[in-house]
Amino acid sequence: MNVYRKSLVIQLLLFIVFFIMGANLIVGAYLGATMGWINYVLLGVLIAFAVFGFVLYKKEDPRIVVMTPKEMNLIKYLLYGYFFVYIVHMILPSILTTVDQKMLSLVVGIILMGIASYGVNMQLRLLKQK
């Protein structure tokens, strides 16, 4: 399957943002009450990545990367897995009130960062192809 290289760069930026969001879950759980400004820093980083991604996407790049259907499906499953875990993190505390919120944020943050790291690694391998 042929994919424009700039689309893979945007996906790489997306997985980097996902890694930052996973780290934010951990940092927010332990330092959120004392350091409220962290949310504003995260918002600034996300806006910077959005602007950078938009500029990269509008830049003309006709290069094409060949992807196998296996790689395409793996990226799809990584995204589905990420959002499933993130939604479970949002819903679980309201269903089970006995869950330790800090421990849940720590575990979910580590899982999300792992998924995002694998996605970044996969995108970098695809971008190294000529």
C-alpha atoms as a PDB file:
ATOM      1  CA  MET A   1       0.000   0.000   0.000  1.00  0.00           C
ATOM      2  CA  ASN A   2       1.402   3.382  -0.995  1.00  0.00           C
ATOM      3  CA  VAL A   3       1.224   6.208   1.547  1.00  0.00           C
ATOM      4  CA  TYR A   4       2.522   9.743   1.282  1.00  0.00           C
ATOM      5  CA  ARG A   5       5.547  10.274   3.488  1.00  0.00           C
ATOM      6  CA  LYS A   6       4.068  13.451   4.957  1.00  0.00           C
ATOM      7  CA  SER A   7       1.129  11.428   6.297  1.00  0.00           C
ATOM      8  CA  LEU A   8       3.561   9.211   8.172  1.00  0.00           C
ATOM      9  CA  VAL A   9       5.275  12.289   9.614  1.00  0.00           C
ATOM     10  CA  ILE A  10       1.902  13.536  10.880  1.00  0.00           C
ATOM     11  CA  GLN A  11       1.238  10.114  12.426  1.00  0.00           C
ATOM     12  CA  LEU A  12       4.662  10.284  14.082  1.00  0.00           C
ATOM     13  CA  LEU A  13       3.762  13.642  15.615  1.00  0.00           C
ATOM     14  CA  LEU A  14       0.440  12.180  16.742  1.00  0.00           C
ATOM     15  CA  PHE A  15       2.144   9.299  18.546  1.00  0.00           C
ATOM     16  CA  ILE A  16       4.559  11.750  20.201  1.00  0.00           C
ATOM     17  CA  VAL A  17       1.568  13.764  21.434  1.00  0.00           C
ATOM     18  CA  PHE A  18       0.021  10.517  22.710  1.00  0.00           C
ATOM     19  CA  PHE A  19       3.219   9.820  24.655  1.00  0.00           C
ATOM     20  CA  ILE A  20       3.040  13.293  26.202  1.00  0.00           C
ATOM     21  CA  MET A  21      -0.623  12.744  27.120  1.00  0.00           C
ATOM     22  CA  GLY A  22       0.259   9.468  28.850  1.00  0.00           C
ATOM     23  CA  ALA A  23       3.037  11.185  30.780  1.00  0.00           C
ATOM     24  CA  ASN A  24       0.589  13.955  31.671  1.00  0.00           C
ATOM     25  CA  LEU A  25      -1.705  11.407  33.334  1.00  0.00           C
ATOM     26  CA  ILE A  26       1.104  10.372  35.649  1.00  0.00           C
ATOM     27  CA  VAL A  27       2.360  13.885  36.336  1.00  0.00           C
ATOM     28  CA  GLY A  28      -1.163  15.230  36.796  1.00  0.00           C
ATOM     29  CA  ALA A  29      -2.066  12.534  39.295  1.00  0.00           C
ATOM     30  CA  TYR A  30       0.932  13.215  41.514  1.00  0.00           C
ATOM     31  CA  LEU A  31       1.615  16.920  40.971  1.00  0.00           C
ATOM     32  CA  GLY A  32      -1.678  18.269  39.612  1.00  0.00           C
ATOM     33  CA  ALA A  33      -2.973  19.575  42.917  1.00  0.00           C
ATOM     34  CA  THR A  34       0.195  21.492  43.778  1.00  0.00           C
ATOM     35  CA  MET A  35       1.258  22.540  40.279  1.00  0.00           C
ATOM     36  CA  GLY A  36      -1.845  23.560  38.346  1.00  0.00           C
ATOM     37  CA  TRP A  37       0.199  25.356  35.707  1.00  0.00           C
ATOM     38  CA  ILE A  38       1.241  21.986  34.234  1.00  0.00           C
ATOM     39  CA  ASN A  39      -2.059  21.818  32.358  1.00  0.00           C
ATOM     40  CA  TYR A  40      -1.300  25.141  30.664  1.00  0.00           C
ATOM     41  CA  VAL A  41       2.140  23.918  29.653  1.00  0.00           C
ATOM     42  CA  LEU A  42       0.573  20.785  28.163  1.00  0.00           C
ATOM     43  CA  LEU A  43      -1.954  22.897  26.279  1.00  0.00           C
ATOM     44  CA  GLY A  44       0.864  25.038  24.865  1.00  0.00           C
ATOM     45  CA  VAL A  45       2.802  21.930  23.784  1.00  0.00           C
ATOM     46  CA  LEU A  46      -0.288  20.469  22.107  1.00  0.00           C
ATOM     47  CA  ILE A  47      -0.967  23.723  20.251  1.00  0.00           C
ATOM     48  CA  ALA A  48       2.680  23.888  19.138  1.00  0.00           C
ATOM     49  CA  PHE A  49       2.484  20.311  17.815  1.00  0.00           C
ATOM     50  CA  ALA A  50      -0.774  21.148  16.010  1.00  0.00           C
ATOM     51  CA  VAL A  51       0.750  24.182  14.295  1.00  0.00           C
ATOM     52  CA  PHE A  52       3.943  22.265  13.452  1.00  0.00           C
ATOM     53  CA  GLY A  53       1.899  19.361  12.067  1.00  0.00           C
ATOM     54  CA  PHE A  54      -0.228  21.704   9.959  1.00  0.00           C
ATOM     55  CA  VAL A  55       2.875  23.366   8.504  1.00  0.00           C
ATOM     56  CA  LEU A  56       4.432  19.977   7.736  1.00  0.00           C
ATOM     57  CA  TYR A  57       1.250  18.721   6.127  1.00  0.00           C
ATOM     58  CA  LYS A  58       0.893  21.775   3.874  1.00  0.00           C
ATOM     59  CA  LYS A  59       4.521  21.477   2.764  1.00  0.00           C
ATOM     60  CA  GLU A  60       4.797  19.852  -0.661  1.00  0.00           C
ATOM     61  CA  ASP A  61       6.328  16.365  -0.428  1.00  0.00           C
ATOM     62  CA  PRO A  62       5.499  13.934  -3.253  1.00  0.00           C
ATOM     63  CA  ARG A  63       7.554  11.050  -1.800  1.00  0.00           C
ATOM     64  CA  ILE A  64       5.712   7.799  -1.232  1.00  0.00           C
ATOM     65  CA  VAL A  65       6.411   5.030   1.289  1.00  0.00           C
ATOM     66  CA  VAL A  66       5.292   1.468   0.696  1.00  0.00           C
ATOM     67  CA  MET A  67       3.485  -0.101   3.657  1.00  0.00           C
ATOM     68  CA  THR A  68       2.321  -3.654   4.022  1.00  0.00           C
ATOM     69  CA  PRO A  69      -1.273  -4.361   5.094  1.00  0.00           C
ATOM     70  CA  LYS A  70       0.160  -5.846   8.300  1.00  0.00           C
ATOM     71  CA  GLU A  71       1.799  -2.514   9.193  1.00  0.00           C
ATOM     72  CA  MET A  72      -1.368  -0.607   8.344  1.00  0.00           C
ATOM     73  CA  ASN A  73      -3.464  -2.887  10.555  1.00  0.00           C
ATOM     74  CA  LEU A  74      -0.934  -2.643  13.383  1.00  0.00           C
ATOM     75  CA  ILE A  75      -1.137   1.155  13.335  1.00  0.00           C
ATOM     76  CA  LYS A  76      -4.926   0.910  13.366  1.00  0.00           C
ATOM     77  CA  TYR A  77      -4.882  -1.476  16.340  1.00  0.00           C
ATOM     78  CA  LEU A  78      -2.410   0.736  18.227  1.00  0.00           C
ATOM     79  CA  LEU A  79      -4.765   3.691  17.841  1.00  0.00           C
ATOM     80  CA  TYR A  80      -7.812   1.645  18.856  1.00  0.00           C
ATOM     81  CA  GLY A  81      -5.944   0.253  21.856  1.00  0.00           C
ATOM     82  CA  TYR A  82      -4.781   3.700  22.931  1.00  0.00           C
ATOM     83  CA  PHE A  83      -8.246   5.179  22.879  1.00  0.00           C
ATOM     84  CA  PHE A  84      -9.815   2.133  24.545  1.00  0.00           C
ATOM     85  CA  VAL A  85      -7.359   2.364  27.459  1.00  0.00           C
ATOM     86  CA  TYR A  86      -7.847   6.142  27.688  1.00  0.00           C
ATOM     87  CA  ILE A  87     -11.642   5.833  27.772  1.00  0.00           C
ATOM     88  CA  VAL A  88     -11.437   3.064  30.389  1.00  0.00           C
ATOM     89  CA  HIS A  89      -9.330   5.438  32.482  1.00  0.00           C
ATOM     90  CA  MET A  90     -12.042   8.077  32.248  1.00  0.00           C
ATOM     91  CA  ILE A  91     -14.981   5.743  32.964  1.00  0.00           C
ATOM     92  CA  LEU A  92     -13.572   3.307  35.537  1.00  0.00           C
ATOM     93  CA  PRO A  93     -13.380   5.704  38.538  1.00  0.00           C
ATOM     94  CA  SER A  94     -17.082   6.545  38.223  1.00  0.00           C
ATOM     95  CA  ILE A  95     -18.069   2.866  38.101  1.00  0.00           C
ATOM     96  CA  LEU A  96     -15.729   1.585  40.803  1.00  0.00           C
ATOM     97  CA  THR A  97     -15.342   4.147  43.550  1.00  0.00           C
ATOM     98  CA  THR A  98     -12.864   1.958  45.445  1.00  0.00           C
ATOM     99  CA  VAL A  99     -10.197   2.302  42.756  1.00  0.00           C
ATOM    100  CA  ASP A 100      -7.124   4.249  43.863  1.00  0.00           C
ATOM    101  CA  GLN A 101      -7.057   7.138  41.376  1.00  0.00           C
ATOM    102  CA  LYS A 102      -3.302   7.704  41.584  1.00  0.00           C
ATOM    103  CA  MET A 103      -2.492   4.033  41.021  1.00  0.00           C
ATOM    104  CA  LEU A 104      -4.948   3.859  38.112  1.00  0.00           C
ATOM    105  CA  SER A 105      -3.387   6.959  36.532  1.00  0.00           C
ATOM    106  CA  LEU A 106       0.085   5.485  36.983  1.00  0.00           C
ATOM    107  CA  VAL A 107      -0.813   2.145  35.387  1.00  0.00           C
ATOM    108  CA  VAL A 108      -2.827   3.691  32.540  1.00  0.00           C
ATOM    109  CA  GLY A 109      -0.130   6.300  31.907  1.00  0.00           C
ATOM    110  CA  ILE A 110       2.528   3.605  31.603  1.00  0.00           C
ATOM    111  CA  ILE A 111       0.331   1.572  29.220  1.00  0.00           C
ATOM    112  CA  LEU A 112      -0.428   4.642  27.096  1.00  0.00           C
ATOM    113  CA  MET A 113       3.232   5.635  26.959  1.00  0.00           C
ATOM    114  CA  GLY A 114       4.120   2.070  25.929  1.00  0.00           C
ATOM    115  CA  ILE A 115       1.579   2.076  23.104  1.00  0.00           C
ATOM    116  CA  ALA A 116       2.768   5.497  21.959  1.00  0.00           C
ATOM    117  CA  SER A 117       6.436   4.444  22.125  1.00  0.00           C
ATOM    118  CA  TYR A 118       5.733   1.427  19.949  1.00  0.00           C
ATOM    119  CA  GLY A 119       3.868   3.678  17.502  1.00  0.00           C
ATOM    120  CA  VAL A 120       6.775   6.145  17.360  1.00  0.00           C
ATOM    121  CA  ASN A 121       9.226   3.296  16.803  1.00  0.00           C
ATOM    122  CA  MET A 122       7.095   1.862  14.009  1.00  0.00           C
ATOM    123  CA  GLN A 123       6.676   5.239  12.290  1.00  0.00           C
ATOM    124  CA  LEU A 124      10.426   5.883  12.439  1.00  0.00           C
ATOM    125  CA  ARG A 125      11.117   2.475  10.868  1.00  0.00           C
ATOM    126  CA  LEU A 126       8.655   3.248   8.074  1.00  0.00           C
ATOM    127  CA  LEU A 127      10.144   6.704   7.493  1.00  0.00           C
ATOM    128  CA  LYS A 128      13.662   5.254   7.185  1.00  0.00           C
ATOM    129  CA  GLN A 129      12.598   3.318   4.093  1.00  0.00           C
ATOM    130  CA  LYS A 130      13.709   4.898   0.863  1.00  0.00           C
END
